[in-house]
């Protein structure tokens, strides 16, 4: 998808920028996002990718604080929590990609 595929109004809003979450723990964010297939993230248009990824991690931090706390700990994610987070984040990406007609 290219910027010119959108209406002028949408283009103006895109140029202003979308809100991104203010995540304090970049390591936890990185651990969670590595659970999403890289090719899925690449299919998200570049100008909304930051918004999509940070807001997804923020949603996990808000709805699953115990799992997010484990992700904030140093080192690798424990197997059980890694599998839970992987299911949550991939389901979230599937839902949003379907909503915006992005094939995964």
PDB file of N, CA and C in Angstrom:
ATOM      1  N   UNK A   1       0.827  -1.170   0.000  1.00  0.00           N
ATOM      2  CA  UNK A   1       0.000   0.000   0.000  1.00  0.00           C
ATOM      3  C   UNK A   1       0.879   1.244   0.000  1.00  0.00           C
ATOM      4  N   UNK A   2       0.506   2.202  -0.793  1.00  0.00           N
ATOM      5  CA  UNK A   2       1.272   3.433  -0.888  1.00  0.00           C
ATOM      6  C   UNK A   2       0.442   4.592  -0.363  1.00  0.00           C
ATOM      7  N   UNK A   3       1.111   5.662  -0.018  1.00  0.00           N
ATOM      8  CA  UNK A   3       0.436   6.838   0.513  1.00  0.00           C
ATOM      9  C   UNK A   3      -0.591   7.374  -0.486  1.00  0.00           C
ATOM     10  N   UNK A   4      -0.297   7.279  -1.771  1.00  0.00           N
ATOM     11  CA  UNK A   4      -1.205   7.803  -2.792  1.00  0.00           C
ATOM     12  C   UNK A   4      -2.475   6.970  -2.938  1.00  0.00           C
ATOM     13  N   UNK A   5      -2.518   5.792  -2.302  1.00  0.00           N
ATOM     14  CA  UNK A   5      -3.720   4.960  -2.348  1.00  0.00           C
ATOM     15  C   UNK A   5      -4.824   5.506  -1.446  1.00  0.00           C
ATOM     16  N   UNK A   6      -4.500   6.497  -0.631  1.00  0.00           N
ATOM     17  CA  UNK A   6      -5.450   7.049   0.319  1.00  0.00           C
ATOM     18  C   UNK A   6      -5.997   8.391  -0.179  1.00  0.00           C
ATOM     19  N   UNK A   7      -7.138   8.783   0.387  1.00  0.00           N
ATOM     20  CA  UNK A   7      -7.730  10.069   0.035  1.00  0.00           C
ATOM     21  C   UNK A   7      -6.833  11.192   0.546  1.00  0.00           C
ATOM     22  N   UNK A   8      -7.057  12.387   0.040  1.00  0.00           N
ATOM     23  CA  UNK A   8      -6.249  13.541   0.453  1.00  0.00           C
ATOM     24  C   UNK A   8      -6.370  13.773   1.961  1.00  0.00           C
ATOM     25  N   UNK A   9      -7.570  13.652   2.487  1.00  0.00           N
ATOM     26  CA  UNK A   9      -7.783  13.839   3.930  1.00  0.00           C
ATOM     27  C   UNK A   9      -6.979  12.816   4.723  1.00  0.00           C
ATOM     28  N   UNK A  10      -7.047  11.550   4.281  1.00  0.00           N
ATOM     29  CA  UNK A  10      -6.288  10.495   4.958  1.00  0.00           C
ATOM     30  C   UNK A  10      -4.790  10.739   4.831  1.00  0.00           C
ATOM     31  N   UNK A  11      -4.352  11.199   3.670  1.00  0.00           N
ATOM     32  CA  UNK A  11      -2.936  11.498   3.472  1.00  0.00           C
ATOM     33  C   UNK A  11      -2.468  12.583   4.439  1.00  0.00           C
ATOM     34  N   UNK A  12      -3.299  13.614   4.628  1.00  0.00           N
ATOM     35  CA  UNK A  12      -2.952  14.685   5.562  1.00  0.00           C
ATOM     36  C   UNK A  12      -2.814  14.149   6.981  1.00  0.00           C
ATOM     37  N   UNK A  13      -3.737  13.281   7.386  1.00  0.00           N
ATOM     38  CA  UNK A  13      -3.679  12.697   8.726  1.00  0.00           C
ATOM     39  C   UNK A  13      -2.454  11.803   8.887  1.00  0.00           C
ATOM     40  N   UNK A  14      -2.135  11.054   7.855  1.00  0.00           N
ATOM     41  CA  UNK A  14      -0.966  10.181   7.897  1.00  0.00           C
ATOM     42  C   UNK A  14       0.305  11.007   8.036  1.00  0.00           C
ATOM     43  N   UNK A  15       0.384  12.108   7.309  1.00  0.00           N
ATOM     44  CA  UNK A  15       1.560  12.966   7.386  1.00  0.00           C
ATOM     45  C   UNK A  15       1.713  13.603   8.765  1.00  0.00           C
ATOM     46  N   UNK A  16       0.574  13.893   9.435  1.00  0.00           N
ATOM     47  CA  UNK A  16       0.644  14.419  10.797  1.00  0.00           C
ATOM     48  C   UNK A  16       1.201  13.363  11.741  1.00  0.00           C
ATOM     49  N   UNK A  17       0.927  12.125  11.418  1.00  0.00           N
ATOM     50  CA  UNK A  17       1.429  11.020  12.231  1.00  0.00           C
ATOM     51  C   UNK A  17       0.342  10.429  13.110  1.00  0.00           C
ATOM     52  N   UNK A  18       0.448   9.140  13.299  1.00  0.00           N
ATOM     53  CA  UNK A  18      -0.473   8.436  14.166  1.00  0.00           C
ATOM     54  C   UNK A  18       0.117   8.362  15.563  1.00  0.00           C
ATOM     55  N   UNK A  19      -0.744   8.218  16.512  1.00  0.00           N
ATOM     56  CA  UNK A  19      -0.293   8.085  17.889  1.00  0.00           C
ATOM     57  C   UNK A  19       0.434   6.757  18.076  1.00  0.00           C
ATOM     58  N   UNK A  20       1.483   6.797  18.817  1.00  0.00           N
ATOM     59  CA  UNK A  20       2.167   5.571  19.199  1.00  0.00           C
ATOM     60  C   UNK A  20       2.173   5.515  20.713  1.00  0.00           C
ATOM     61  N   UNK A  21       2.250   4.309  21.215  1.00  0.00           N
ATOM     62  CA  UNK A  21       2.263   4.132  22.663  1.00  0.00           C
ATOM     63  C   UNK A  21       3.618   4.548  23.218  1.00  0.00           C
ATOM     64  N   UNK A  22       3.608   5.056  24.418  1.00  0.00           N
ATOM     65  CA  UNK A  22       4.844   5.394  25.117  1.00  0.00           C
ATOM     66  C   UNK A  22       5.222   4.193  25.981  1.00  0.00           C
ATOM     67  N   UNK A  23       6.009   3.312  25.418  1.00  0.00           N
ATOM     68  CA  UNK A  23       6.414   2.102  26.128  1.00  0.00           C
ATOM     69  C   UNK A  23       7.747   2.347  26.801  1.00  0.00           C
ATOM     70  N   UNK A  24       7.800   2.049  28.076  1.00  0.00           N
ATOM     71  CA  UNK A  24       9.000   2.339  28.842  1.00  0.00           C
ATOM     72  C   UNK A  24      10.037   1.231  28.754  1.00  0.00           C
ATOM     73  N   UNK A  25       9.605   0.013  28.458  1.00  0.00           N
ATOM     74  CA  UNK A  25      10.540  -1.104  28.436  1.00  0.00           C
ATOM     75  C   UNK A  25      10.722  -1.616  27.001  1.00  0.00           C
ATOM     76  N   UNK A  26      11.755  -1.123  26.352  1.00  0.00           N
ATOM     77  CA  UNK A  26      12.010  -1.492  24.956  1.00  0.00           C
ATOM     78  C   UNK A  26      12.381  -2.966  24.820  1.00  0.00           C
ATOM     79  N   UNK A  27      13.035  -3.519  25.828  1.00  0.00           N
ATOM     80  CA  UNK A  27      13.416  -4.927  25.787  1.00  0.00           C
ATOM     81  C   UNK A  27      12.179  -5.819  25.801  1.00  0.00           C
ATOM     82  N   UNK A  28      11.194  -5.498  26.638  1.00  0.00           N
ATOM     83  CA  UNK A  28       9.947  -6.271  26.683  1.00  0.00           C
ATOM     84  C   UNK A  28       9.209  -6.157  25.354  1.00  0.00           C
ATOM     85  N   UNK A  29       9.178  -4.968  24.796  1.00  0.00           N
ATOM     86  CA  UNK A  29       8.532  -4.750  23.502  1.00  0.00           C
ATOM     87  C   UNK A  29       9.196  -5.608  22.430  1.00  0.00           C
ATOM     88  N   UNK A  30      10.514  -5.616  22.422  1.00  0.00           N
ATOM     89  CA  UNK A  30      11.256  -6.398  21.432  1.00  0.00           C
ATOM     90  C   UNK A  30      10.963  -7.884  21.596  1.00  0.00           C
ATOM     91  N   UNK A  31      10.951  -8.372  22.836  1.00  0.00           N
ATOM     92  CA  UNK A  31      10.668  -9.791  23.083  1.00  0.00           C
ATOM     93  C   UNK A  31       9.291 -10.180  22.572  1.00  0.00           C
ATOM     94  N   UNK A  32       8.312  -9.315  22.809  1.00  0.00           N
ATOM     95  CA  UNK A  32       6.942  -9.625  22.387  1.00  0.00           C
ATOM     96  C   UNK A  32       6.814  -9.568  20.871  1.00  0.00           C
ATOM     97  N   UNK A  33       7.404  -8.553  20.251  1.00  0.00           N
ATOM     98  CA  UNK A  33       7.271  -8.411  18.797  1.00  0.00           C
ATOM     99  C   UNK A  33       8.027  -9.488  18.025  1.00  0.00           C
ATOM    100  N   UNK A  34       9.058 -10.083  18.626  1.00  0.00           N
ATOM    101  CA  UNK A  34       9.753 -11.174  17.932  1.00  0.00           C
ATOM    102  C   UNK A  34       8.882 -12.413  17.834  1.00  0.00           C
ATOM    103  N   UNK A  35       7.791 -12.460  18.575  1.00  0.00           N
ATOM    104  CA  UNK A  35       6.871 -13.591  18.520  1.00  0.00           C
ATOM    105  C   UNK A  35       5.928 -13.511  17.316  1.00  0.00           C
ATOM    106  N   UNK A  36       5.875 -12.350  16.685  1.00  0.00           N
ATOM    107  CA  UNK A  36       5.044 -12.155  15.494  1.00  0.00           C
ATOM    108  C   UNK A  36       5.895 -12.496  14.274  1.00  0.00           C
ATOM    109  N   UNK A  37       5.347 -13.278  13.333  1.00  0.00           N
ATOM    110  CA  UNK A  37       6.123 -13.561  12.126  1.00  0.00           C
ATOM    111  C   UNK A  37       6.576 -12.264  11.447  1.00  0.00           C
ATOM    112  N   UNK A  38       7.842 -12.191  11.123  1.00  0.00           N
ATOM    113  CA  UNK A  38       8.421 -10.972  10.542  1.00  0.00           C
ATOM    114  C   UNK A  38       7.725 -10.562   9.250  1.00  0.00           C
ATOM    115  N   UNK A  39       7.310 -11.540   8.452  1.00  0.00           N
ATOM    116  CA  UNK A  39       6.653 -11.211   7.185  1.00  0.00           C
ATOM    117  C   UNK A  39       5.298 -10.534   7.417  1.00  0.00           C
ATOM    118  N   UNK A  40       4.655 -10.805   8.543  1.00  0.00           N
ATOM    119  CA  UNK A  40       3.398 -10.119   8.863  1.00  0.00           C
ATOM    120  C   UNK A  40       3.667  -8.647   9.126  1.00  0.00           C
ATOM    121  N   UNK A  41       4.684  -8.368   9.908  1.00  0.00           N
ATOM    122  CA  UNK A  41       5.000  -6.979  10.239  1.00  0.00           C
ATOM    123  C   UNK A  41       5.387  -6.213   8.978  1.00  0.00           C
ATOM    124  N   UNK A  42       6.113  -6.864   8.075  1.00  0.00           N
ATOM    125  CA  UNK A  42       6.522  -6.206   6.834  1.00  0.00           C
ATOM    126  C   UNK A  42       5.335  -5.883   5.935  1.00  0.00           C
ATOM    127  N   UNK A  43       4.220  -6.612   6.084  1.00  0.00           N
ATOM    128  CA  UNK A  43       3.042  -6.357   5.253  1.00  0.00           C
ATOM    129  C   UNK A  43       2.235  -5.154   5.728  1.00  0.00           C
ATOM    130  N   UNK A  44       2.515  -4.692   6.933  1.00  0.00           N
ATOM    131  CA  UNK A  44       1.830  -3.505   7.444  1.00  0.00           C
ATOM    132  C   UNK A  44       2.485  -2.289   6.786  1.00  0.00           C
ATOM    133  N   UNK A  45       1.686  -1.386   6.201  1.00  0.00           N
ATOM    134  CA  UNK A  45       2.284  -0.212   5.556  1.00  0.00           C
ATOM    135  C   UNK A  45       3.226   0.524   6.504  1.00  0.00           C
ATOM    136  N   UNK A  46       4.374   0.944   5.979  1.00  0.00           N
ATOM    137  CA  UNK A  46       5.437   1.524   6.798  1.00  0.00           C
ATOM    138  C   UNK A  46       4.984   2.714   7.622  1.00  0.00           C
ATOM    139  N   UNK A  47       4.038   3.492   7.111  1.00  0.00           N
ATOM    140  CA  UNK A  47       3.649   4.709   7.801  1.00  0.00           C
ATOM    141  C   UNK A  47       2.686   4.460   8.961  1.00  0.00           C
ATOM    142  N   UNK A  48       2.202   3.238   9.145  1.00  0.00           N
ATOM    143  CA  UNK A  48       1.365   2.910  10.305  1.00  0.00           C
ATOM    144  C   UNK A  48       1.984   1.782  11.144  1.00  0.00           C
ATOM    145  N   UNK A  49       3.132   1.291  10.720  1.00  0.00           N
ATOM    146  CA  UNK A  49       3.765   0.147  11.391  1.00  0.00           C
ATOM    147  C   UNK A  49       4.097   0.441  12.854  1.00  0.00           C
ATOM    148  N   UNK A  50       4.670   1.603  13.129  1.00  0.00           N
ATOM    149  CA  UNK A  50       5.007   1.967  14.510  1.00  0.00           C
ATOM    150  C   UNK A  50       3.771   2.039  15.387  1.00  0.00           C
ATOM    151  N   UNK A  51       2.720   2.622  14.852  1.00  0.00           N
ATOM    152  CA  UNK A  51       1.456   2.714  15.568  1.00  0.00           C
ATOM    153  C   UNK A  51       0.907   1.317  15.856  1.00  0.00           C
ATOM    154  N   UNK A  52       0.884   0.476  14.842  1.00  0.00           N
ATOM    155  CA  UNK A  52       0.320  -0.873  14.983  1.00  0.00           C
ATOM    156  C   UNK A  52       1.088  -1.714  15.998  1.00  0.00           C
ATOM    157  N   UNK A  53       2.397  -1.650  15.940  1.00  0.00           N
ATOM    158  CA  UNK A  53       3.182  -2.504  16.830  1.00  0.00           C
ATOM    159  C   UNK A  53       3.175  -1.988  18.266  1.00  0.00           C
ATOM    160  N   UNK A  54       3.369  -0.692  18.463  1.00  0.00           N
ATOM    161  CA  UNK A  54       3.415  -0.186  19.840  1.00  0.00           C
ATOM    162  C   UNK A  54       2.059  -0.264  20.523  1.00  0.00           C
ATOM    163  N   UNK A  55       1.004  -0.004  19.783  1.00  0.00           N
ATOM    164  CA  UNK A  55      -0.329  -0.089  20.370  1.00  0.00           C
ATOM    165  C   UNK A  55      -0.692  -1.540  20.707  1.00  0.00           C
ATOM    166  N   UNK A  56      -0.196  -2.488  19.927  1.00  0.00           N
ATOM    167  CA  UNK A  56      -0.442  -3.903  20.224  1.00  0.00           C
ATOM    168  C   UNK A  56       0.252  -4.303  21.519  1.00  0.00           C
ATOM    169  N   UNK A  57       1.483  -3.892  21.680  1.00  0.00           N
ATOM    170  CA  UNK A  57       2.218  -4.207  22.907  1.00  0.00           C
ATOM    171  C   UNK A  57       1.582  -3.483  24.099  1.00  0.00           C
ATOM    172  N   UNK A  58       1.154  -2.251  23.886  1.00  0.00           N
ATOM    173  CA  UNK A  58       0.487  -1.514  24.957  1.00  0.00           C
ATOM    174  C   UNK A  58      -0.787  -2.237  25.396  1.00  0.00           C
ATOM    175  N   UNK A  59      -1.524  -2.769  24.453  1.00  0.00           N
ATOM    176  CA  UNK A  59      -2.753  -3.517  24.766  1.00  0.00           C
ATOM    177  C   UNK A  59      -2.429  -4.736  25.620  1.00  0.00           C
ATOM    178  N   UNK A  60      -1.364  -5.437  25.276  1.00  0.00           N
ATOM    179  CA  UNK A  60      -0.942  -6.592  26.073  1.00  0.00           C
ATOM    180  C   UNK A  60      -0.539  -6.145  27.476  1.00  0.00           C
ATOM    181  N   UNK A  61       0.213  -5.048  27.563  1.00  0.00           N
ATOM    182  CA  UNK A  61       0.644  -4.537  28.867  1.00  0.00           C
ATOM    183  C   UNK A  61      -0.559  -4.192  29.746  1.00  0.00           C
ATOM    184  N   UNK A  62      -1.607  -3.660  29.150  1.00  0.00           N
ATOM    185  CA  UNK A  62      -2.799  -3.271  29.906  1.00  0.00           C
ATOM    186  C   UNK A  62      -3.692  -4.452  30.257  1.00  0.00           C
ATOM    187  N   UNK A  63      -3.858  -5.379  29.312  1.00  0.00           N
ATOM    188  CA  UNK A  63      -4.790  -6.489  29.519  1.00  0.00           C
ATOM    189  C   UNK A  63      -4.149  -7.712  30.170  1.00  0.00           C
ATOM    190  N   UNK A  64      -2.843  -7.864  30.037  1.00  0.00           N
ATOM    191  CA  UNK A  64      -2.133  -9.017  30.601  1.00  0.00           C
ATOM    192  C   UNK A  64      -0.898  -8.528  31.361  1.00  0.00           C
ATOM    193  N   UNK A  65      -1.097  -7.766  32.439  1.00  0.00           N
ATOM    194  CA  UNK A  65       0.051  -7.187  33.150  1.00  0.00           C
ATOM    195  C   UNK A  65       1.011  -8.233  33.711  1.00  0.00           C
ATOM    196  N   UNK A  66       0.490  -9.401  34.073  1.00  0.00           N
ATOM    197  CA  UNK A  66       1.367 -10.444  34.608  1.00  0.00           C
ATOM    198  C   UNK A  66       2.313 -10.977  33.530  1.00  0.00           C
ATOM    199  N   UNK A  67       1.804 -11.184  32.321  1.00  0.00           N
ATOM    200  CA  UNK A  67       2.661 -11.651  31.220  1.00  0.00           C
ATOM    201  C   UNK A  67       3.638 -10.563  30.789  1.00  0.00           C
ATOM    202  N   UNK A  68       3.186  -9.326  30.786  1.00  0.00           N
ATOM    203  CA  UNK A  68       4.072  -8.223  30.417  1.00  0.00           C
ATOM    204  C   UNK A  68       5.198  -8.086  31.440  1.00  0.00           C
ATOM    205  N   UNK A  69       4.874  -8.303  32.710  1.00  0.00           N
ATOM    206  CA  UNK A  69       5.891  -8.240  33.763  1.00  0.00           C
ATOM    207  C   UNK A  69       6.964  -9.303  33.553  1.00  0.00           C
ATOM    208  N   UNK A  70       6.553 -10.488  33.106  1.00  0.00           N
ATOM    209  CA  UNK A  70       7.522 -11.554  32.817  1.00  0.00           C
ATOM    210  C   UNK A  70       8.405 -11.138  31.643  1.00  0.00           C
ATOM    211  N   UNK A  71       7.815 -10.493  30.636  1.00  0.00           N
ATOM    212  CA  UNK A  71       8.586 -10.040  29.470  1.00  0.00           C
ATOM    213  C   UNK A  71       9.589  -8.960  29.853  1.00  0.00           C
ATOM    214  N   UNK A  72       9.301  -8.188  30.896  1.00  0.00           N
ATOM    215  CA  UNK A  72      10.198  -7.127  31.334  1.00  0.00           C
ATOM    216  C   UNK A  72      11.424  -7.668  32.066  1.00  0.00           C
ATOM    217  N   UNK A  73      11.336  -8.889  32.556  1.00  0.00           N
ATOM    218  CA  UNK A  73      12.459  -9.472  33.278  1.00  0.00           C
ATOM    219  C   UNK A  73      13.611  -9.745  32.308  1.00  0.00           C
ATOM    220  N   UNK A  74      14.845  -9.619  32.778  1.00  0.00           N
ATOM    221  CA  UNK A  74      15.992  -9.873  31.901  1.00  0.00           C
ATOM    222  C   UNK A  74      16.062 -11.349  31.487  1.00  0.00           C
ATOM    223  N   UNK A  75      16.639 -11.572  30.335  1.00  0.00           N
ATOM    224  CA  UNK A  75      16.813 -12.937  29.843  1.00  0.00           C
ATOM    225  C   UNK A  75      15.676 -13.376  28.940  1.00  0.00           C
ATOM    226  N   UNK A  76      15.746 -14.634  28.580  1.00  0.00           N
ATOM    227  CA  UNK A  76      14.750 -15.228  27.687  1.00  0.00           C
ATOM    228  C   UNK A  76      13.400 -15.370  28.385  1.00  0.00           C
ATOM    229  N   UNK A  77      12.339 -15.403  27.580  1.00  0.00           N
ATOM    230  CA  UNK A  77      11.010 -15.661  28.116  1.00  0.00           C
ATOM    231  C   UNK A  77      10.889 -17.140  28.480  1.00  0.00           C
ATOM    232  N   UNK A  78      10.302 -17.454  29.621  1.00  0.00           N
ATOM    233  CA  UNK A  78      10.045 -18.861  29.940  1.00  0.00           C
ATOM    234  C   UNK A  78       9.089 -19.459  28.899  1.00  0.00           C
ATOM    235  N   UNK A  79       9.215 -20.743  28.638  1.00  0.00           N
ATOM    236  CA  UNK A  79       8.458 -21.411  27.570  1.00  0.00           C
ATOM    237  C   UNK A  79       6.944 -21.198  27.698  1.00  0.00           C
ATOM    238  N   UNK A  80       6.407 -21.381  28.889  1.00  0.00           N
ATOM    239  CA  UNK A  80       4.956 -21.258  29.093  1.00  0.00           C
ATOM    240  C   UNK A  80       4.477 -19.853  28.747  1.00  0.00           C
ATOM    241  N   UNK A  81       5.136 -18.852  29.274  1.00  0.00           N
ATOM    242  CA  UNK A  81       4.742 -17.469  29.025  1.00  0.00           C
ATOM    243  C   UNK A  81       4.984 -17.072  27.563  1.00  0.00           C
ATOM    244  N   UNK A  82       6.064 -17.598  26.984  1.00  0.00           N
ATOM    245  CA  UNK A  82       6.349 -17.308  25.576  1.00  0.00           C
ATOM    246  C   UNK A  82       5.213 -17.812  24.692  1.00  0.00           C
ATOM    247  N   UNK A  83       4.735 -19.022  24.954  1.00  0.00           N
ATOM    248  CA  UNK A  83       3.638 -19.588  24.158  1.00  0.00           C
ATOM    249  C   UNK A  83       2.342 -18.800  24.357  1.00  0.00           C
ATOM    250  N   UNK A  84       2.068 -18.395  25.599  1.00  0.00           N
ATOM    251  CA  UNK A  84       0.870 -17.595  25.859  1.00  0.00           C
ATOM    252  C   UNK A  84       0.942 -16.257  25.136  1.00  0.00           C
ATOM    253  N   UNK A  85       2.083 -15.579  25.257  1.00  0.00           N
ATOM    254  CA  UNK A  85       2.251 -14.291  24.582  1.00  0.00           C
ATOM    255  C   UNK A  85       2.192 -14.438  23.064  1.00  0.00           C
ATOM    256  N   UNK A  86       2.770 -15.508  22.547  1.00  0.00           N
ATOM    257  CA  UNK A  86       2.757 -15.732  21.098  1.00  0.00           C
ATOM    258  C   UNK A  86       1.322 -15.881  20.598  1.00  0.00           C
ATOM    259  N   UNK A  87       0.516 -16.638  21.306  1.00  0.00           N
ATOM    260  CA  UNK A  87      -0.885 -16.812  20.900  1.00  0.00           C
ATOM    261  C   UNK A  87      -1.629 -15.483  20.966  1.00  0.00           C
ATOM    262  N   UNK A  88      -1.423 -14.740  22.037  1.00  0.00           N
ATOM    263  CA  UNK A  88      -2.124 -13.463  22.208  1.00  0.00           C
ATOM    264  C   UNK A  88      -1.739 -12.478  21.107  1.00  0.00           C
ATOM    265  N   UNK A  89      -0.440 -12.305  20.874  1.00  0.00           N
ATOM    266  CA  UNK A  89       0.004 -11.294  19.902  1.00  0.00           C
ATOM    267  C   UNK A  89      -0.337 -11.709  18.469  1.00  0.00           C
ATOM    268  N   UNK A  90      -0.216 -12.992  18.140  1.00  0.00           N
ATOM    269  CA  UNK A  90      -0.557 -13.409  16.769  1.00  0.00           C
ATOM    270  C   UNK A  90      -2.061 -13.317  16.529  1.00  0.00           C
ATOM    271  N   UNK A  91      -2.865 -13.661  17.534  1.00  0.00           N
ATOM    272  CA  UNK A  91      -4.321 -13.507  17.384  1.00  0.00           C
ATOM    273  C   UNK A  91      -4.690 -12.036  17.200  1.00  0.00           C
ATOM    274  N   UNK A  92      -4.037 -11.173  17.947  1.00  0.00           N
ATOM    275  CA  UNK A  92      -4.286  -9.736  17.834  1.00  0.00           C
ATOM    276  C   UNK A  92      -3.914  -9.226  16.440  1.00  0.00           C
ATOM    277  N   UNK A  93      -2.754  -9.638  15.950  1.00  0.00           N
ATOM    278  CA  UNK A  93      -2.334  -9.220  14.603  1.00  0.00           C
ATOM    279  C   UNK A  93      -3.265  -9.796  13.539  1.00  0.00           C
ATOM    280  N   UNK A  94      -3.674 -11.062  13.692  1.00  0.00           N
ATOM    281  CA  UNK A  94      -4.608 -11.656  12.728  1.00  0.00           C
ATOM    282  C   UNK A  94      -5.904 -10.852  12.663  1.00  0.00           C
ATOM    283  N   UNK A  95      -6.431 -10.553  13.831  1.00  0.00           N
ATOM    284  CA  UNK A  95      -7.687  -9.804  13.915  1.00  0.00           C
ATOM    285  C   UNK A  95      -7.566  -8.451  13.219  1.00  0.00           C
ATOM    286  N   UNK A  96      -6.495  -7.744  13.508  1.00  0.00           N
ATOM    287  CA  UNK A  96      -6.324  -6.407  12.926  1.00  0.00           C
ATOM    288  C   UNK A  96      -5.985  -6.457  11.445  1.00  0.00           C
ATOM    289  N   UNK A  97      -5.225  -7.457  11.034  1.00  0.00           N
ATOM    290  CA  UNK A  97      -4.900  -7.582   9.610  1.00  0.00           C
ATOM    291  C   UNK A  97      -6.152  -7.948   8.818  1.00  0.00           C
ATOM    292  N   UNK A  98      -7.003  -8.818   9.383  1.00  0.00           N
ATOM    293  CA  UNK A  98      -8.270  -9.147   8.720  1.00  0.00           C
ATOM    294  C   UNK A  98      -9.143  -7.903   8.609  1.00  0.00           C
ATOM    295  N   UNK A  99      -9.205  -7.119   9.680  1.00  0.00           N
ATOM    296  CA  UNK A  99     -10.012  -5.906   9.694  1.00  0.00           C
ATOM    297  C   UNK A  99      -9.603  -4.953   8.583  1.00  0.00           C
ATOM    298  N   UNK A 100      -8.303  -4.870   8.297  1.00  0.00           N
ATOM    299  CA  UNK A 100      -7.804  -3.942   7.287  1.00  0.00           C
ATOM    300  C   UNK A 100      -7.487  -4.626   5.954  1.00  0.00           C
ATOM    301  N   UNK A 101      -7.984  -5.847   5.789  1.00  0.00           N
ATOM    302  CA  UNK A 101      -7.810  -6.603   4.543  1.00  0.00           C
ATOM    303  C   UNK A 101      -6.357  -6.760   4.130  1.00  0.00           C
ATOM    304  N   UNK A 102      -5.513  -7.049   5.093  1.00  0.00           N
ATOM    305  CA  UNK A 102      -4.103  -7.310   4.809  1.00  0.00           C
ATOM    306  C   UNK A 102      -3.914  -8.820   4.883  1.00  0.00           C
ATOM    307  N   UNK A 103      -3.451  -9.407   3.817  1.00  0.00           N
ATOM    308  CA  UNK A 103      -3.230 -10.866   3.774  1.00  0.00           C
ATOM    309  C   UNK A 103      -1.988 -11.219   4.569  1.00  0.00           C
ATOM    310  N   UNK A 104      -2.068 -12.293   5.316  1.00  0.00           N
ATOM    311  CA  UNK A 104      -0.909 -12.751   6.083  1.00  0.00           C
ATOM    312  C   UNK A 104      -0.505 -14.128   5.659  1.00  0.00           C
TER     313      UNK A 104
END
